[in-house]
Amino acid sequence: MHEHNQDKAAPRQAYTIREACRLLHISESHGHQLIKQGYIEVVRLGEASPRITQRTIDRVLTEGIPSDKPNKRRAKRAQPSSAA
């Protein structure tokens, strides 16, 4: 019975996509985009649904998450007005 308690305290090594997105504070759709782009790696163990490892989550938290939105906004602001 003592071993069972130790197993509960052990950190998880992999998460579902939904769980990983919650840990990263991103939407599932953004998570799927990052997976499709190759920024977030998934692993498959047998026929189970894809998992994201703790190592990958740690890397994304350290490096940050790429986003197109700020660059698009800056590009719009940087364009000179044609009514000059």
C-alpha atoms as a PDB file:
ATOM      1  CA  MET A   1       0.000   0.000   0.000  1.00  0.00           C
ATOM      2  CA  HIS A   2       2.915   2.356   0.674  1.00  0.00           C
ATOM      3  CA  GLU A   3       4.128   2.031  -2.944  1.00  0.00           C
ATOM      4  CA  HIS A   4       0.745   3.183  -4.221  1.00  0.00           C
ATOM      5  CA  ASN A   5       1.087   6.470  -2.315  1.00  0.00           C
ATOM      6  CA  GLN A   6       4.524   7.047  -3.832  1.00  0.00           C
ATOM      7  CA  ASP A   7       3.115   6.532  -7.340  1.00  0.00           C
ATOM      8  CA  LYS A   8       0.500   9.221  -6.753  1.00  0.00           C
ATOM      9  CA  ALA A   9       3.177  11.751  -5.783  1.00  0.00           C
ATOM     10  CA  ALA A  10       5.344  11.059  -8.850  1.00  0.00           C
ATOM     11  CA  PRO A  11       5.250  13.839 -11.463  1.00  0.00           C
ATOM     12  CA  ARG A  12       3.507  13.060 -14.740  1.00  0.00           C
ATOM     13  CA  GLN A  13       5.669  12.571 -17.772  1.00  0.00           C
ATOM     14  CA  ALA A  14       3.054  13.136 -20.492  1.00  0.00           C
ATOM     15  CA  TYR A  15      -0.257  14.926 -20.920  1.00  0.00           C
ATOM     16  CA  THR A  16      -3.134  14.868 -23.350  1.00  0.00           C
ATOM     17  CA  ILE A  17      -3.273  17.778 -25.767  1.00  0.00           C
ATOM     18  CA  ARG A  18      -6.132  19.313 -23.769  1.00  0.00           C
ATOM     19  CA  GLU A  19      -4.192  19.035 -20.492  1.00  0.00           C
ATOM     20  CA  ALA A  20      -1.006  20.431 -22.037  1.00  0.00           C
ATOM     21  CA  CYS A  21      -2.878  23.403 -23.493  1.00  0.00           C
ATOM     22  CA  ARG A  22      -4.319  24.174 -20.067  1.00  0.00           C
ATOM     23  CA  LEU A  23      -0.820  24.034 -18.541  1.00  0.00           C
ATOM     24  CA  LEU A  24       0.486  26.353 -21.268  1.00  0.00           C
ATOM     25  CA  HIS A  25      -2.515  28.696 -20.964  1.00  0.00           C
ATOM     26  CA  ILE A  26      -3.369  28.449 -24.654  1.00  0.00           C
ATOM     27  CA  SER A  27      -6.504  27.352 -26.464  1.00  0.00           C
ATOM     28  CA  GLU A  28      -6.732  23.855 -27.851  1.00  0.00           C
ATOM     29  CA  SER A  29      -6.987  25.246 -31.375  1.00  0.00           C
ATOM     30  CA  HIS A  30      -3.741  27.189 -30.883  1.00  0.00           C
ATOM     31  CA  GLY A  31      -2.157  24.041 -29.445  1.00  0.00           C
ATOM     32  CA  HIS A  32      -3.179  22.055 -32.515  1.00  0.00           C
ATOM     33  CA  GLN A  33      -1.755  24.798 -34.764  1.00  0.00           C
ATOM     34  CA  LEU A  34       1.577  24.646 -32.906  1.00  0.00           C
ATOM     35  CA  ILE A  35       1.597  20.860 -33.256  1.00  0.00           C
ATOM     36  CA  LYS A  36       0.857  21.111 -36.983  1.00  0.00           C
ATOM     37  CA  GLN A  37       3.672  23.664 -37.377  1.00  0.00           C
ATOM     38  CA  GLY A  38       6.061  21.303 -35.587  1.00  0.00           C
ATOM     39  CA  TYR A  39       6.670  23.619 -32.646  1.00  0.00           C
ATOM     40  CA  ILE A  40       5.084  21.207 -30.161  1.00  0.00           C
ATOM     41  CA  GLU A  41       5.988  17.546 -30.526  1.00  0.00           C
ATOM     42  CA  VAL A  42       3.556  14.776 -29.711  1.00  0.00           C
ATOM     43  CA  VAL A  43       4.278  11.144 -28.941  1.00  0.00           C
ATOM     44  CA  ARG A  44       2.026   8.150 -29.442  1.00  0.00           C
ATOM     45  CA  LEU A  45       2.212   5.139 -27.189  1.00  0.00           C
ATOM     46  CA  GLY A  46       0.343   2.270 -28.763  1.00  0.00           C
ATOM     47  CA  GLU A  47      -3.199   3.178 -29.706  1.00  0.00           C
ATOM     48  CA  ALA A  48      -3.568   5.839 -27.020  1.00  0.00           C
ATOM     49  CA  SER A  49      -4.325   9.406 -27.993  1.00  0.00           C
ATOM     50  CA  PRO A  50      -1.272  11.588 -28.670  1.00  0.00           C
ATOM     51  CA  ARG A  51       0.579  12.914 -25.641  1.00  0.00           C
ATOM     52  CA  ILE A  52       2.812  15.900 -25.025  1.00  0.00           C
ATOM     53  CA  THR A  53       5.777  15.218 -22.771  1.00  0.00           C
ATOM     54  CA  GLN A  54       6.720  17.230 -19.720  1.00  0.00           C
ATOM     55  CA  ARG A  55      10.049  17.974 -21.432  1.00  0.00           C
ATOM     56  CA  THR A  56       8.210  19.622 -24.340  1.00  0.00           C
ATOM     57  CA  ILE A  57       5.997  21.624 -21.979  1.00  0.00           C
ATOM     58  CA  ASP A  58       9.089  22.810 -20.074  1.00  0.00           C
ATOM     59  CA  ARG A  59      10.773  23.828 -23.353  1.00  0.00           C
ATOM     60  CA  VAL A  60       7.745  25.810 -24.514  1.00  0.00           C
ATOM     61  CA  LEU A  61       7.469  27.527 -21.128  1.00  0.00           C
ATOM     62  CA  THR A  62      11.170  28.444 -21.279  1.00  0.00           C
ATOM     63  CA  GLU A  63      11.309  29.541 -24.928  1.00  0.00           C
ATOM     64  CA  GLY A  64       7.836  31.041 -25.131  1.00  0.00           C
ATOM     65  CA  ILE A  65       5.078  30.493 -27.636  1.00  0.00           C
ATOM     66  CA  PRO A  66       5.383  31.947 -31.131  1.00  0.00           C
ATOM     67  CA  SER A  67       2.520  34.189 -32.139  1.00  0.00           C
ATOM     68  CA  ASP A  68       1.693  35.854 -35.465  1.00  0.00           C
ATOM     69  CA  LYS A  69      -0.725  38.362 -33.984  1.00  0.00           C
ATOM     70  CA  PRO A  70       1.728  41.001 -32.631  1.00  0.00           C
ATOM     71  CA  ASN A  71       3.719  41.025 -35.897  1.00  0.00           C
ATOM     72  CA  LYS A  72       0.581  41.541 -38.010  1.00  0.00           C
ATOM     73  CA  ARG A  73      -0.535  44.432 -35.825  1.00  0.00           C
ATOM     74  CA  ARG A  74       2.887  46.079 -35.994  1.00  0.00           C
ATOM     75  CA  ALA A  75       2.937  45.715 -39.776  1.00  0.00           C
ATOM     76  CA  LYS A  76      -0.418  47.495 -40.071  1.00  0.00           C
ATOM     77  CA  ARG A  77       0.745  50.359 -37.842  1.00  0.00           C
ATOM     78  CA  ALA A  78       4.059  50.695 -39.666  1.00  0.00           C
ATOM     79  CA  GLN A  79       2.433  51.353 -43.060  1.00  0.00           C
ATOM     80  CA  PRO A  80       2.411  55.071 -43.982  1.00  0.00           C
ATOM     81  CA  SER A  81      -0.901  56.752 -44.540  1.00  0.00           C
ATOM     82  CA  SER A  82      -1.809  57.285 -48.211  1.00  0.00           C
ATOM     83  CA  ALA A  83      -3.703  60.498 -47.356  1.00  0.00           C
ATOM     84  CA  ALA A  84      -0.569  62.577 -46.836  1.00  0.00           C
END
